C-alpha atoms as a PDB file:
ATOM      1  CA  MET A   1     -16.846   9.950  11.695  1.00  0.00           C
ATOM      2  CA  ASN A   2     -15.390  13.318  10.864  1.00  0.00           C
ATOM      3  CA  PRO A   3     -13.537  13.615   7.537  1.00  0.00           C
ATOM      4  CA  PHE A   4     -10.011  14.936   7.033  1.00  0.00           C
ATOM      5  CA  PRO A   5      -8.035  15.846   3.885  1.00  0.00           C
ATOM      6  CA  LEU A   6      -6.145  12.938   2.288  1.00  0.00           C
ATOM      7  CA  GLN A   7      -3.723  12.908  -0.619  1.00  0.00           C
ATOM      8  CA  ILE A   8      -2.343   9.703  -2.142  1.00  0.00           C
ATOM      9  CA  VAL A   9       0.399  10.115  -4.759  1.00  0.00           C
ATOM     10  CA  THR A  10       2.907   7.944  -6.602  1.00  0.00           C
ATOM     11  CA  PRO A  11       5.479   8.741  -9.285  1.00  0.00           C
ATOM     12  CA  ASP A  12       2.655   7.985 -11.775  1.00  0.00           C
ATOM     13  CA  GLY A  13       0.366  10.673 -10.402  1.00  0.00           C
ATOM     14  CA  VAL A  14      -2.387  11.450  -7.926  1.00  0.00           C
ATOM     15  CA  TYR A  15      -4.525   8.479  -6.863  1.00  0.00           C
ATOM     16  CA  PHE A  16      -6.722  10.313  -4.402  1.00  0.00           C
ATOM     17  CA  ASP A  17      -7.167  13.910  -3.364  1.00  0.00           C
ATOM     18  CA  GLY A  18     -10.208  14.471  -1.200  1.00  0.00           C
ATOM     19  CA  GLU A  19     -11.667  13.752   2.201  1.00  0.00           C
ATOM     20  CA  ALA A  20     -11.644  10.463   4.092  1.00  0.00           C
ATOM     21  CA  GLU A  21     -12.922   9.341   7.468  1.00  0.00           C
ATOM     22  CA  LYS A  22     -10.255   6.717   8.147  1.00  0.00           C
ATOM     23  CA  VAL A  23      -7.003   5.401   6.665  1.00  0.00           C
ATOM     24  CA  VAL A  24      -5.230   2.185   7.617  1.00  0.00           C
ATOM     25  CA  VAL A  25      -1.775   1.480   6.170  1.00  0.00           C
ATOM     26  CA  ARG A  26       1.048  -0.958   6.840  1.00  0.00           C
ATOM     27  CA  THR A  27       4.186   0.764   8.045  1.00  0.00           C
ATOM     28  CA  THR A  28       7.545  -0.885   8.607  1.00  0.00           C
ATOM     29  CA  GLU A  29       6.540  -1.056  12.288  1.00  0.00           C
ATOM     30  CA  GLY A  30       3.059  -2.548  11.700  1.00  0.00           C
ATOM     31  CA  GLU A  31      -0.416  -1.317  10.811  1.00  0.00           C
ATOM     32  CA  VAL A  32      -1.467   2.189  11.752  1.00  0.00           C
ATOM     33  CA  GLY A  33      -4.936   3.697  11.643  1.00  0.00           C
ATOM     34  CA  ILE A  34      -5.417   7.408  11.114  1.00  0.00           C
ATOM     35  CA  LEU A  35      -8.526   9.384  12.039  1.00  0.00           C
ATOM     36  CA  ARG A  36      -9.251  13.111  12.144  1.00  0.00           C
ATOM     37  CA  ASN A  37      -7.084  15.054  14.621  1.00  0.00           C
ATOM     38  CA  HIS A  38      -4.296  12.457  14.547  1.00  0.00           C
ATOM     39  CA  ALA A  39      -1.054  13.760  16.014  1.00  0.00           C
ATOM     40  CA  ASP A  40       1.555  14.891  13.508  1.00  0.00           C
ATOM     41  CA  TYR A  41       3.294  11.743  12.344  1.00  0.00           C
ATOM     42  CA  VAL A  42       5.712  10.368   9.745  1.00  0.00           C
ATOM     43  CA  ALA A  43       6.399   6.702   9.033  1.00  0.00           C
ATOM     44  CA  ALA A  44       7.925   4.540   6.325  1.00  0.00           C
ATOM     45  CA  LEU A  45       5.431   2.340   4.498  1.00  0.00           C
ATOM     46  CA  ASP A  46       5.947  -1.361   3.966  1.00  0.00           C
ATOM     47  CA  ILE A  47       4.427  -3.525   1.248  1.00  0.00           C
ATOM     48  CA  GLY A  48       0.850  -4.163   2.317  1.00  0.00           C
ATOM     49  CA  GLU A  49      -2.832  -3.450   2.101  1.00  0.00           C
ATOM     50  CA  ALA A  50      -4.181   0.065   2.550  1.00  0.00           C
ATOM     51  CA  ARG A  51      -7.811   0.759   3.463  1.00  0.00           C
ATOM     52  CA  VAL A  52      -9.407   4.152   2.915  1.00  0.00           C
ATOM     53  CA  THR A  53     -12.868   4.860   4.325  1.00  0.00           C
ATOM     54  CA  VAL A  54     -14.834   7.482   2.393  1.00  0.00           C
ATOM     55  CA  GLY A  55     -18.377   7.866   3.653  1.00  0.00           C
ATOM     56  CA  GLU A  56     -19.784   4.357   4.020  1.00  0.00           C
ATOM     57  CA  GLU A  57     -17.357   2.829   1.507  1.00  0.00           C
ATOM     58  CA  VAL A  58     -14.051   1.156   2.413  1.00  0.00           C
ATOM     59  CA  ARG A  59     -11.694   1.124  -0.571  1.00  0.00           C
ATOM     60  CA  ARG A  60      -8.865  -1.386  -0.491  1.00  0.00           C
ATOM     61  CA  ALA A  61      -5.544  -0.993  -2.260  1.00  0.00           C
ATOM     62  CA  ALA A  62      -2.155  -2.643  -2.628  1.00  0.00           C
ATOM     63  CA  CYS A  63       0.501  -0.215  -1.443  1.00  0.00           C
ATOM     64  CA  ASN A  64       4.185  -0.743  -2.164  1.00  0.00           C
ATOM     65  CA  SER A  65       6.546   1.138   0.120  1.00  0.00           C
ATOM     66  CA  GLY A  66       6.900   4.883   0.533  1.00  0.00           C
ATOM     67  CA  MET A  67       5.854   7.081   3.431  1.00  0.00           C
ATOM     68  CA  VAL A  68       2.800   8.359   5.261  1.00  0.00           C
ATOM     69  CA  SER A  69       2.665  11.711   6.983  1.00  0.00           C
ATOM     70  CA  VAL A  70       0.175  13.651   9.054  1.00  0.00           C
ATOM     71  CA  SER A  71       0.844  17.357   9.331  1.00  0.00           C
ATOM     72  CA  LYS A  72      -1.637  19.919  10.626  1.00  0.00           C
ATOM     73  CA  GLY A  73      -4.517  17.558   9.869  1.00  0.00           C
ATOM     74  CA  LEU A  74      -3.488  16.749   6.280  1.00  0.00           C
ATOM     75  CA  VAL A  75      -2.683  13.090   5.634  1.00  0.00           C
ATOM     76  CA  ARG A  76      -0.347  12.284   2.738  1.00  0.00           C
ATOM     77  CA  ILE A  77       0.577   8.880   1.411  1.00  0.00           C
ATOM     78  CA  VAL A  78       3.510   8.916  -0.986  1.00  0.00           C
ATOM     79  CA  ALA A  79       3.938   5.401  -2.331  1.00  0.00           C
ATOM     80  CA  VAL A  80       6.181   3.731  -4.878  1.00  0.00           C
ATOM     81  CA  THR A  81       3.031   2.079  -6.270  1.00  0.00           C
ATOM     82  CA  PHE A  82      -0.596   2.228  -5.165  1.00  0.00           C
ATOM     83  CA  GLU A  83      -3.310   0.145  -6.833  1.00  0.00           C
ATOM     84  CA  TRP A  84      -6.987   0.182  -5.958  1.00  0.00           C
ATOM     85  CA  ALA A  85      -8.430  -3.337  -5.745  1.00  0.00           C
ATOM     86  CA  ASP A  86     -10.517  -2.896  -8.890  1.00  0.00           C
ATOM     87  CA  GLU A  87      -7.420  -1.841 -10.887  1.00  0.00           C
ATOM     88  CA  ILE A  88      -5.337  -4.934 -10.093  1.00  0.00           C
ATOM     89  CA  ASP A  89      -4.771  -7.407 -12.909  1.00  0.00           C
ATOM     90  CA  LEU A  90      -5.223 -10.660 -10.972  1.00  0.00           C
ATOM     91  CA  GLU A  91      -3.769 -12.875 -13.722  1.00  0.00           C
ATOM     92  CA  ARG A  92      -0.643 -10.719 -13.878  1.00  0.00           C
ATOM     93  CA  ALA A  93      -0.319 -10.855 -10.080  1.00  0.00           C
ATOM     94  CA  GLU A  94      -0.643 -14.661 -10.151  1.00  0.00           C
ATOM     95  CA  ARG A  95       2.105 -14.880 -12.814  1.00  0.00           C
ATOM     96  CA  ALA A  96       4.344 -12.592 -10.755  1.00  0.00           C
ATOM     97  CA  LYS A  97       3.776 -14.847  -7.724  1.00  0.00           C
ATOM     98  CA  GLU A  98       4.735 -17.952  -9.710  1.00  0.00           C
ATOM     99  CA  ASN A  99       7.865 -16.271 -11.121  1.00  0.00           C
ATOM    100  CA  ALA A 100       8.950 -15.088  -7.669  1.00  0.00           C
ATOM    101  CA  GLU A 101       8.420 -18.558  -6.186  1.00  0.00           C
ATOM    102  CA  LYS A 102      10.558 -20.084  -8.966  1.00  0.00           C
ATOM    103  CA  ALA A 103      13.291 -17.512  -8.370  1.00  0.00           C
ATOM    104  CA  LEU A 104      13.291 -18.331  -4.650  1.00  0.00           C
ATOM    105  CA  GLN A 105      13.923 -22.015  -5.411  1.00  0.00           C
ATOM    106  CA  GLU A 106      17.043 -21.198  -7.414  1.00  0.00           C
ATOM    107  CA  LYS A 107      20.448 -20.879  -5.771  1.00  0.00           C
ATOM    108  CA  ASN A 108      21.020 -17.168  -6.294  1.00  0.00           C
ATOM    109  CA  SER A 109      22.970 -14.479  -4.527  1.00  0.00           C
ATOM    110  CA  ASN A 110      21.609 -12.880  -1.358  1.00  0.00           C
ATOM    111  CA  VAL A 111      20.558  -9.807  -3.344  1.00  0.00           C
ATOM    112  CA  GLU A 112      18.653 -11.913  -5.882  1.00  0.00           C
ATOM    113  CA  GLN A 113      16.990 -13.901  -3.091  1.00  0.00           C
ATOM    114  CA  ARG A 114      15.907 -10.703  -1.327  1.00  0.00           C
ATOM    115  CA  THR A 115      14.573  -9.277  -4.601  1.00  0.00           C
ATOM    116  CA  ALA A 116      12.559 -12.453  -5.183  1.00  0.00           C
ATOM    117  CA  GLU A 117      11.186 -12.280  -1.610  1.00  0.00           C
ATOM    118  CA  LEU A 118      10.038  -8.691  -2.152  1.00  0.00           C
ATOM    119  CA  LYS A 119       8.452  -9.565  -5.500  1.00  0.00           C
ATOM    120  CA  LEU A 120       6.600 -12.442  -3.855  1.00  0.00           C
ATOM    121  CA  LYS A 121       5.381 -10.192  -1.042  1.00  0.00           C
ATOM    122  CA  ARG A 122       4.117  -7.601  -3.560  1.00  0.00           C
ATOM    123  CA  ALA A 123       2.368 -10.276  -5.633  1.00  0.00           C
ATOM    124  CA  LEU A 124       0.709 -11.844  -2.586  1.00  0.00           C
ATOM    125  CA  THR A 125      -0.487  -8.431  -1.413  1.00  0.00           C
ATOM    126  CA  ARG A 126      -1.963  -7.633  -4.840  1.00  0.00           C
ATOM    127  CA  ILE A 127      -3.701 -11.038  -4.964  1.00  0.00           C
ATOM    128  CA  LYS A 128      -5.147 -10.610  -1.458  1.00  0.00           C
ATOM    129  CA  VAL A 129      -6.425  -7.127  -2.207  1.00  0.00           C
ATOM    130  CA  ALA A 130      -7.876  -8.095  -5.600  1.00  0.00           C
ATOM    131  CA  LYS A 131      -9.887 -10.994  -4.190  1.00  0.00           C
END
């Protein structure tokens, strides 16, 4: 495959700035794969797994919301959080899952229920990616 420039940033800094052959991310409309010469594109990111192919290696990451854009061949992922699989603290993710599940069982307001659902989704994504 032919590489293209890719930048991945969060409020904490730059997670990747180099060339990739393929990127797959979860948008609010479903998964999208990006290769070289992709049409210009902008989409909101959902909570989900991201896969970045660099050479023969596919790196997996947990991506939490944000946006992806393709403009003149440059692909940018701007995420709220982005964690490579080898950076995820699995025990912490398991605890977050348990806490979110407990919160969902409580009779809380709609806002608190939605917050617990999002926390559970983030924890499950981190666990899936880490394993």
